[in-house]
């Protein structure tokens, strides 16, 4: 699955902060995979501010998620939806992971 920079940032924020040990290991690996590398940061002109990230060039990266990792992102999206806390930045992730409009 191809994810661009804003989708990666949004997905990162959907992951739970607390869980059991086995799940936290999966989350840790997923966070490292979604993280923006130094090379990507330089290529895209990314600037990390206090409360925001800006970039000059948006790139996509191919990801292969385990079923459990996909489920965690889907759970995060559905939790936001149920709480009426979805934001426009979550829409493309919803379409890619859930597929409904």
N, C-alpha and C. Protein backbone atom coordinates (compact mmCIF):
# COMPACT_ATOMS: atom_id res chain seq x y z
N UNK A 1 0.84 -1.17 0.00
CA UNK A 1 0.00 0.00 0.00
C UNK A 1 0.89 1.24 0.00
N UNK A 2 0.58 2.18 -0.89
CA UNK A 2 1.33 3.43 -0.96
C UNK A 2 0.75 4.44 0.01
N UNK A 3 1.62 5.03 0.83
CA UNK A 3 1.22 6.11 1.73
C UNK A 3 2.13 7.31 1.49
N UNK A 4 1.52 8.49 1.47
CA UNK A 4 2.32 9.70 1.33
C UNK A 4 2.67 10.25 2.71
N UNK A 5 3.39 11.35 2.75
CA UNK A 5 3.86 11.91 4.02
C UNK A 5 2.69 12.22 4.97
N UNK A 6 1.64 12.98 4.52
CA UNK A 6 0.56 13.27 5.46
C UNK A 6 -0.18 12.02 5.95
N UNK A 7 -0.31 11.02 5.10
CA UNK A 7 -0.97 9.78 5.51
C UNK A 7 -0.14 9.06 6.56
N UNK A 8 1.16 9.07 6.39
CA UNK A 8 2.04 8.42 7.37
C UNK A 8 1.97 9.12 8.72
N UNK A 9 1.95 10.45 8.69
CA UNK A 9 1.85 11.22 9.93
C UNK A 9 0.50 10.93 10.61
N UNK A 10 -0.57 10.91 9.83
CA UNK A 10 -1.90 10.64 10.38
C UNK A 10 -1.99 9.22 10.93
N UNK A 11 -1.44 8.24 10.22
CA UNK A 11 -1.47 6.85 10.68
C UNK A 11 -0.69 6.69 11.98
N UNK A 12 0.44 7.37 12.06
CA UNK A 12 1.27 7.35 13.26
C UNK A 12 0.44 7.77 14.47
N UNK A 13 -0.38 8.80 14.30
CA UNK A 13 -1.18 9.31 15.39
C UNK A 13 -2.37 8.44 15.76
N UNK A 14 -2.71 7.48 14.94
CA UNK A 14 -3.85 6.59 15.22
C UNK A 14 -3.47 5.43 16.13
N UNK A 15 -2.19 5.17 16.27
CA UNK A 15 -1.76 4.00 17.03
C UNK A 15 -1.93 4.21 18.53
N UNK A 16 -2.37 3.18 19.24
CA UNK A 16 -2.58 3.32 20.69
C UNK A 16 -1.27 3.57 21.44
N UNK A 17 -1.38 4.32 22.52
CA UNK A 17 -0.23 4.61 23.37
C UNK A 17 0.02 3.50 24.39
N UNK A 18 -1.05 2.81 24.77
CA UNK A 18 -0.95 1.77 25.79
C UNK A 18 -1.60 0.49 25.31
N UNK A 19 -1.00 -0.62 25.70
CA UNK A 19 -1.56 -1.93 25.36
C UNK A 19 -0.76 -2.98 26.10
N UNK A 20 -0.90 -4.23 25.68
CA UNK A 20 -0.10 -5.30 26.28
C UNK A 20 1.26 -5.36 25.58
N UNK A 21 2.17 -6.13 26.14
CA UNK A 21 3.55 -6.17 25.65
C UNK A 21 3.63 -6.59 24.18
N UNK A 22 2.93 -7.63 23.82
CA UNK A 22 3.00 -8.14 22.44
C UNK A 22 2.50 -7.08 21.44
N UNK A 23 1.42 -6.41 21.79
CA UNK A 23 0.87 -5.39 20.90
C UNK A 23 1.81 -4.18 20.83
N UNK A 24 2.39 -3.81 21.97
CA UNK A 24 3.33 -2.68 21.96
C UNK A 24 4.55 -2.96 21.09
N UNK A 25 4.97 -4.21 21.00
CA UNK A 25 6.08 -4.55 20.10
C UNK A 25 5.68 -4.32 18.65
N UNK A 26 4.46 -4.69 18.30
CA UNK A 26 3.96 -4.46 16.94
C UNK A 26 3.88 -2.96 16.67
N UNK A 27 3.34 -2.22 17.63
CA UNK A 27 3.21 -0.76 17.49
C UNK A 27 4.58 -0.12 17.33
N UNK A 28 5.55 -0.56 18.10
CA UNK A 28 6.91 0.00 18.01
C UNK A 28 7.49 -0.22 16.62
N UNK A 29 7.33 -1.41 16.09
CA UNK A 29 7.82 -1.70 14.74
C UNK A 29 7.10 -0.87 13.68
N UNK A 30 5.80 -0.73 13.85
CA UNK A 30 5.00 0.05 12.91
C UNK A 30 5.38 1.52 12.96
N UNK A 31 5.61 2.04 14.14
CA UNK A 31 6.03 3.44 14.27
C UNK A 31 7.39 3.67 13.59
N UNK A 32 8.31 2.73 13.79
CA UNK A 32 9.62 2.87 13.13
C UNK A 32 9.50 2.83 11.62
N UNK A 33 8.60 1.98 11.12
CA UNK A 33 8.40 1.87 9.68
C UNK A 33 7.75 3.13 9.11
N UNK A 34 6.76 3.68 9.81
CA UNK A 34 6.05 4.86 9.33
C UNK A 34 6.87 6.14 9.47
N UNK A 35 7.84 6.12 10.38
CA UNK A 35 8.64 7.32 10.65
C UNK A 35 9.33 7.81 9.37
N UNK A 36 9.52 9.10 9.31
CA UNK A 36 10.16 9.72 8.15
C UNK A 36 11.67 9.68 8.37
N UNK A 37 12.36 9.04 7.44
CA UNK A 37 13.81 8.88 7.57
C UNK A 37 14.52 10.22 7.32
N UNK A 38 15.76 10.27 7.71
CA UNK A 38 16.56 11.48 7.48
C UNK A 38 16.67 11.78 5.99
N UNK A 39 16.84 10.73 5.18
CA UNK A 39 16.94 10.91 3.73
C UNK A 39 15.63 11.47 3.16
N UNK A 40 14.50 10.92 3.60
CA UNK A 40 13.20 11.42 3.15
C UNK A 40 12.98 12.86 3.58
N UNK A 41 13.39 13.15 4.79
CA UNK A 41 13.25 14.51 5.31
C UNK A 41 14.02 15.50 4.45
N UNK A 42 15.23 15.15 4.10
CA UNK A 42 16.05 16.03 3.24
C UNK A 42 15.46 16.14 1.84
N UNK A 43 15.01 15.01 1.28
CA UNK A 43 14.45 15.01 -0.06
C UNK A 43 13.18 15.85 -0.16
N UNK A 44 12.37 15.83 0.88
CA UNK A 44 11.08 16.51 0.86
C UNK A 44 11.12 17.92 1.45
N UNK A 45 12.24 18.30 2.03
CA UNK A 45 12.32 19.60 2.68
C UNK A 45 11.41 19.69 3.89
N UNK A 46 11.39 18.63 4.68
CA UNK A 46 10.51 18.56 5.83
C UNK A 46 11.06 19.40 6.97
N UNK A 47 10.16 20.15 7.60
CA UNK A 47 10.50 20.94 8.77
C UNK A 47 9.56 20.51 9.89
N UNK A 48 10.14 20.07 11.01
CA UNK A 48 9.37 19.66 12.17
C UNK A 48 9.22 20.85 13.11
N UNK A 49 8.00 21.37 13.21
CA UNK A 49 7.71 22.48 14.11
C UNK A 49 7.18 21.96 15.43
N UNK A 50 6.82 22.89 16.31
CA UNK A 50 6.31 22.50 17.63
C UNK A 50 5.05 21.66 17.53
N UNK A 51 4.09 22.12 16.74
CA UNK A 51 2.81 21.42 16.64
C UNK A 51 2.46 21.00 15.22
N UNK A 52 3.40 21.10 14.29
CA UNK A 52 3.09 20.75 12.91
C UNK A 52 4.34 20.31 12.16
N UNK A 53 4.09 19.65 11.06
CA UNK A 53 5.15 19.23 10.16
C UNK A 53 4.81 19.83 8.80
N UNK A 54 5.78 20.47 8.17
CA UNK A 54 5.58 21.00 6.83
C UNK A 54 6.61 20.38 5.89
N UNK A 55 6.28 20.34 4.60
CA UNK A 55 7.18 19.78 3.60
C UNK A 55 6.95 20.50 2.29
N UNK A 56 7.98 20.44 1.46
CA UNK A 56 7.91 21.10 0.16
C UNK A 56 7.59 20.12 -0.96
N UNK A 57 7.93 18.86 -0.77
CA UNK A 57 7.70 17.84 -1.79
C UNK A 57 7.09 16.62 -1.09
N UNK A 58 5.99 16.13 -1.64
CA UNK A 58 5.31 14.98 -1.06
C UNK A 58 5.69 13.73 -1.84
N UNK A 59 6.18 12.73 -1.13
CA UNK A 59 6.55 11.46 -1.78
C UNK A 59 5.68 10.35 -1.21
N UNK A 60 5.59 9.26 -1.95
CA UNK A 60 4.88 8.08 -1.49
C UNK A 60 5.89 6.96 -1.25
N UNK A 61 5.55 6.12 -0.30
CA UNK A 61 6.38 4.97 0.02
C UNK A 61 5.48 3.75 0.11
N UNK A 62 5.96 2.64 -0.38
CA UNK A 62 5.21 1.38 -0.35
C UNK A 62 5.37 0.71 1.02
N UNK A 63 4.25 0.29 1.60
CA UNK A 63 4.25 -0.40 2.88
C UNK A 63 3.51 -1.72 2.73
N UNK A 64 3.99 -2.72 3.45
CA UNK A 64 3.29 -4.00 3.56
C UNK A 64 2.99 -4.18 5.04
N UNK A 65 1.72 -4.08 5.39
CA UNK A 65 1.31 -4.15 6.78
C UNK A 65 0.83 -5.55 7.13
N UNK A 66 1.17 -5.99 8.33
CA UNK A 66 0.61 -7.25 8.82
C UNK A 66 -0.89 -7.04 9.07
N UNK A 67 -1.62 -8.12 9.19
CA UNK A 67 -3.05 -8.01 9.47
C UNK A 67 -3.29 -7.28 10.78
N UNK A 68 -2.48 -7.57 11.79
CA UNK A 68 -2.65 -6.92 13.10
C UNK A 68 -2.36 -5.42 13.00
N UNK A 69 -1.33 -5.04 12.25
CA UNK A 69 -1.01 -3.62 12.09
C UNK A 69 -2.15 -2.90 11.36
N UNK A 70 -2.69 -3.52 10.31
CA UNK A 70 -3.84 -2.94 9.61
C UNK A 70 -5.02 -2.77 10.56
N UNK A 71 -5.26 -3.80 11.36
CA UNK A 71 -6.38 -3.74 12.31
C UNK A 71 -6.23 -2.59 13.29
N UNK A 72 -5.01 -2.32 13.74
CA UNK A 72 -4.79 -1.23 14.69
C UNK A 72 -5.10 0.12 14.05
N UNK A 73 -4.70 0.30 12.80
CA UNK A 73 -5.00 1.55 12.11
C UNK A 73 -6.50 1.68 11.86
N UNK A 74 -7.13 0.60 11.45
CA UNK A 74 -8.58 0.60 11.23
C UNK A 74 -9.32 0.90 12.54
N UNK A 75 -8.90 0.27 13.62
CA UNK A 75 -9.52 0.53 14.93
C UNK A 75 -9.39 2.00 15.30
N UNK A 76 -8.22 2.59 15.05
CA UNK A 76 -8.02 4.00 15.34
C UNK A 76 -8.94 4.89 14.53
N UNK A 77 -9.09 4.56 13.24
CA UNK A 77 -9.99 5.34 12.38
C UNK A 77 -11.44 5.21 12.84
N UNK A 78 -11.86 4.00 13.14
CA UNK A 78 -13.25 3.79 13.56
C UNK A 78 -13.53 4.45 14.91
N UNK A 79 -12.54 4.45 15.78
CA UNK A 79 -12.69 5.13 17.07
C UNK A 79 -12.91 6.62 16.87
N UNK A 80 -12.13 7.24 15.98
CA UNK A 80 -12.32 8.66 15.67
C UNK A 80 -13.70 8.91 15.07
N UNK A 81 -14.12 8.03 14.17
CA UNK A 81 -15.41 8.18 13.51
C UNK A 81 -16.55 8.11 14.52
N UNK A 82 -16.50 7.12 15.39
CA UNK A 82 -17.54 6.95 16.40
C UNK A 82 -17.62 8.16 17.33
N UNK A 83 -16.46 8.75 17.65
CA UNK A 83 -16.41 9.90 18.55
C UNK A 83 -16.63 11.22 17.81
N UNK A 84 -16.93 11.14 16.51
CA UNK A 84 -17.10 12.35 15.68
C UNK A 84 -15.86 13.24 15.73
N UNK A 85 -14.68 12.61 15.70
CA UNK A 85 -13.42 13.33 15.76
C UNK A 85 -12.58 13.16 14.49
N UNK A 86 -13.20 12.65 13.44
CA UNK A 86 -12.49 12.52 12.16
C UNK A 86 -12.15 13.91 11.65
N UNK A 87 -11.00 14.01 10.98
CA UNK A 87 -10.56 15.24 10.35
C UNK A 87 -10.31 14.95 8.87
N UNK A 88 -10.30 15.98 8.04
CA UNK A 88 -10.05 15.74 6.61
C UNK A 88 -8.77 14.94 6.34
N UNK A 89 -7.77 15.09 7.19
CA UNK A 89 -6.51 14.37 6.98
C UNK A 89 -6.65 12.85 7.13
N UNK A 90 -7.74 12.41 7.71
CA UNK A 90 -7.97 10.97 7.88
C UNK A 90 -8.71 10.33 6.71
N UNK A 91 -9.29 11.14 5.83
CA UNK A 91 -10.14 10.61 4.77
C UNK A 91 -9.42 9.65 3.83
N UNK A 92 -8.24 10.00 3.38
CA UNK A 92 -7.54 9.11 2.43
C UNK A 92 -7.13 7.81 3.11
N UNK A 93 -6.78 7.88 4.40
CA UNK A 93 -6.47 6.64 5.12
C UNK A 93 -7.71 5.76 5.24
N UNK A 94 -8.86 6.39 5.50
CA UNK A 94 -10.12 5.64 5.58
C UNK A 94 -10.36 4.90 4.28
N UNK A 95 -10.21 5.62 3.17
CA UNK A 95 -10.44 4.99 1.86
C UNK A 95 -9.46 3.86 1.59
N UNK A 96 -8.20 4.03 1.99
CA UNK A 96 -7.20 2.99 1.72
C UNK A 96 -7.35 1.78 2.63
N UNK A 97 -7.68 2.00 3.90
CA UNK A 97 -7.74 0.89 4.85
C UNK A 97 -9.12 0.27 4.99
N UNK A 98 -10.16 1.08 4.84
CA UNK A 98 -11.53 0.58 5.02
C UNK A 98 -12.26 0.49 3.69
N UNK A 99 -12.02 1.45 2.82
CA UNK A 99 -12.55 1.37 1.48
C UNK A 99 -13.96 1.88 1.28
N UNK A 100 -14.59 2.38 2.31
CA UNK A 100 -15.94 2.89 2.19
C UNK A 100 -15.92 4.39 2.06
N UNK A 101 -16.91 4.93 1.38
CA UNK A 101 -17.08 6.39 1.33
C UNK A 101 -18.27 6.79 2.14
